[in-house]
Amino acid sequence: MIRHLRPASARHRHWPACRRCTGLALDLGSARTRAWIAGRGMVLDVPTVTFPGSGAVHPVRRGTIVDTAGTARMLERLLGNRLPRIGRPLVVVAAPVLDGLAFRTAARAAVEVLRPRAVLT
């Protein structure tokens, strides 16, 4: 059986591979934070936790953002240097159905560290 392998540089390329990052979808869950990029699929699936000092802090609890600054720090650490500087992405944030305006306002404030073109919640 002959297998055609791509060069190592193509297999282990850091995401996003192209400079055109038109869309980013975020799911800020209580346990996991997930991110999808248009054309690439899921690119991030990590625990929702920050380490501001000596211990771990959970900025999202029971589906609600309780620490907006901590959530912004976490997003900057995870996604800040991986998004292209040229094109500002459209960011879609998954919001719980029963959460109202408070969640949407906190999510918009936290996502501003990514310099989005627009934020949809």
Protein backbone atom coordinates (compact mmCIF):
# COMPACT_ATOMS: atom_id res chain seq x y z
CA MET A 1 0.00 0.00 0.00
CA ILE A 2 1.50 3.31 -1.09
CA ARG A 3 0.73 6.32 1.07
CA HIS A 4 1.31 9.82 -0.15
CA LEU A 5 2.51 11.94 2.74
CA ARG A 6 2.63 15.67 2.72
CA PRO A 7 5.79 17.42 3.82
CA ALA A 8 6.21 17.81 7.57
CA SER A 9 5.76 21.56 7.35
CA ALA A 10 2.25 21.14 5.92
CA ARG A 11 1.26 18.51 8.48
CA HIS A 12 2.35 20.49 11.54
CA ARG A 13 1.40 23.97 10.45
CA HIS A 14 0.19 26.26 13.22
CA TRP A 15 -3.36 27.50 12.87
CA PRO A 16 -4.58 29.64 11.24
CA ALA A 17 -2.61 28.58 8.21
CA CYS A 18 -3.79 31.48 6.10
CA ARG A 19 -3.98 35.18 6.83
CA ARG A 20 -7.67 35.32 5.92
CA CYS A 21 -9.40 34.49 9.18
CA THR A 22 -12.89 35.69 8.38
CA GLY A 23 -14.80 34.10 11.22
CA LEU A 24 -14.31 32.82 14.74
CA ALA A 25 -16.95 31.05 16.84
CA LEU A 26 -16.55 30.82 20.63
CA ASP A 27 -18.30 28.66 23.18
CA LEU A 28 -17.48 29.95 26.66
CA GLY A 29 -18.68 27.03 28.73
CA SER A 30 -18.38 26.49 32.47
CA ALA A 31 -16.08 23.51 32.00
CA ARG A 32 -14.55 23.92 28.50
CA THR A 33 -13.84 26.78 26.12
CA ARG A 34 -14.08 25.85 22.46
CA ALA A 35 -13.18 27.85 19.36
CA TRP A 36 -13.88 27.20 15.69
CA ILE A 37 -12.38 29.03 12.71
CA ALA A 38 -14.18 29.13 9.38
CA GLY A 39 -12.65 26.61 7.01
CA ARG A 40 -10.52 24.96 9.73
CA GLY A 41 -13.08 23.49 12.12
CA MET A 42 -12.45 23.20 15.86
CA VAL A 43 -9.07 24.65 16.73
CA LEU A 44 -9.31 24.96 20.50
CA ASP A 45 -10.84 22.83 23.25
CA VAL A 46 -9.39 23.68 26.67
CA PRO A 47 -10.61 23.95 30.27
CA THR A 48 -12.19 27.31 31.19
CA VAL A 49 -9.72 28.38 33.86
CA THR A 50 -7.28 31.25 34.45
CA PHE A 51 -4.30 31.56 36.76
CA PRO A 52 -4.05 35.21 37.82
CA GLY A 53 -1.96 34.59 40.93
CA SER A 54 -1.34 31.60 43.11
CA GLY A 55 -4.48 29.60 42.34
CA ALA A 56 -6.90 28.68 39.59
CA VAL A 57 -9.97 30.83 38.95
CA HIS A 58 -13.03 29.80 36.94
CA PRO A 59 -14.30 32.95 35.18
CA VAL A 60 -17.46 31.21 33.89
CA ARG A 61 -19.70 29.46 36.40
CA ARG A 62 -23.00 27.73 35.69
CA GLY A 63 -23.15 29.24 32.22
CA THR A 64 -22.64 32.83 33.38
CA ILE A 65 -19.55 35.01 33.05
CA VAL A 66 -18.74 36.02 36.63
CA ASP A 67 -15.28 37.52 35.98
CA THR A 68 -15.20 39.56 32.77
CA ALA A 69 -11.56 40.60 33.22
CA GLY A 70 -10.54 36.98 33.86
CA THR A 71 -12.40 35.82 30.76
CA ALA A 72 -10.70 38.53 28.69
CA ARG A 73 -7.28 37.47 30.08
CA MET A 74 -7.99 33.85 29.19
CA LEU A 75 -9.08 34.70 25.62
CA GLU A 76 -6.04 36.93 25.10
CA ARG A 77 -3.73 34.17 26.35
CA LEU A 78 -5.36 31.46 24.23
CA LEU A 79 -6.22 33.29 21.01
CA GLY A 80 -4.51 36.69 21.04
CA ASN A 81 -1.33 35.77 19.20
CA ARG A 82 -2.96 33.22 16.90
CA LEU A 83 -5.35 35.54 15.11
CA PRO A 84 -3.99 37.51 12.18
CA ARG A 85 -3.26 41.19 12.75
CA ILE A 86 -4.31 42.21 9.24
CA GLY A 87 -7.92 41.03 9.08
CA ARG A 88 -10.17 41.55 12.05
CA PRO A 89 -12.44 38.50 12.50
CA LEU A 90 -16.17 38.36 12.90
CA VAL A 91 -16.68 36.70 16.30
CA VAL A 92 -19.79 34.66 17.11
CA VAL A 93 -20.27 33.85 20.81
CA ALA A 94 -22.60 31.02 21.77
CA ALA A 95 -24.97 32.28 24.46
CA PRO A 96 -27.21 30.23 26.75
CA VAL A 97 -30.87 30.57 25.87
CA LEU A 98 -32.02 31.67 29.32
CA ASP A 99 -29.21 34.18 29.90
CA GLY A 100 -30.23 37.69 29.08
CA LEU A 101 -28.57 40.99 28.40
CA ALA A 102 -26.04 40.62 31.25
CA PHE A 103 -24.32 37.63 29.61
CA ARG A 104 -24.26 39.29 26.20
CA THR A 105 -22.76 42.49 27.61
CA ALA A 106 -20.10 40.58 29.57
CA ALA A 107 -19.27 38.42 26.53
CA ARG A 108 -18.88 41.47 24.28
CA ALA A 109 -16.60 43.14 26.84
CA ALA A 110 -14.44 40.00 27.20
CA VAL A 111 -14.13 39.43 23.44
CA GLU A 112 -12.96 43.02 22.78
CA VAL A 113 -9.36 41.94 23.57
CA LEU A 114 -9.39 40.03 20.24
CA ARG A 115 -10.14 43.26 18.30
CA PRO A 116 -13.11 41.83 16.40
CA ARG A 117 -14.76 43.47 13.42
CA ALA A 118 -18.14 42.63 14.97
CA VAL A 119 -19.46 40.43 17.78
CA LEU A 120 -22.63 38.37 17.40
CA THR A 121 -24.21 36.82 20.50
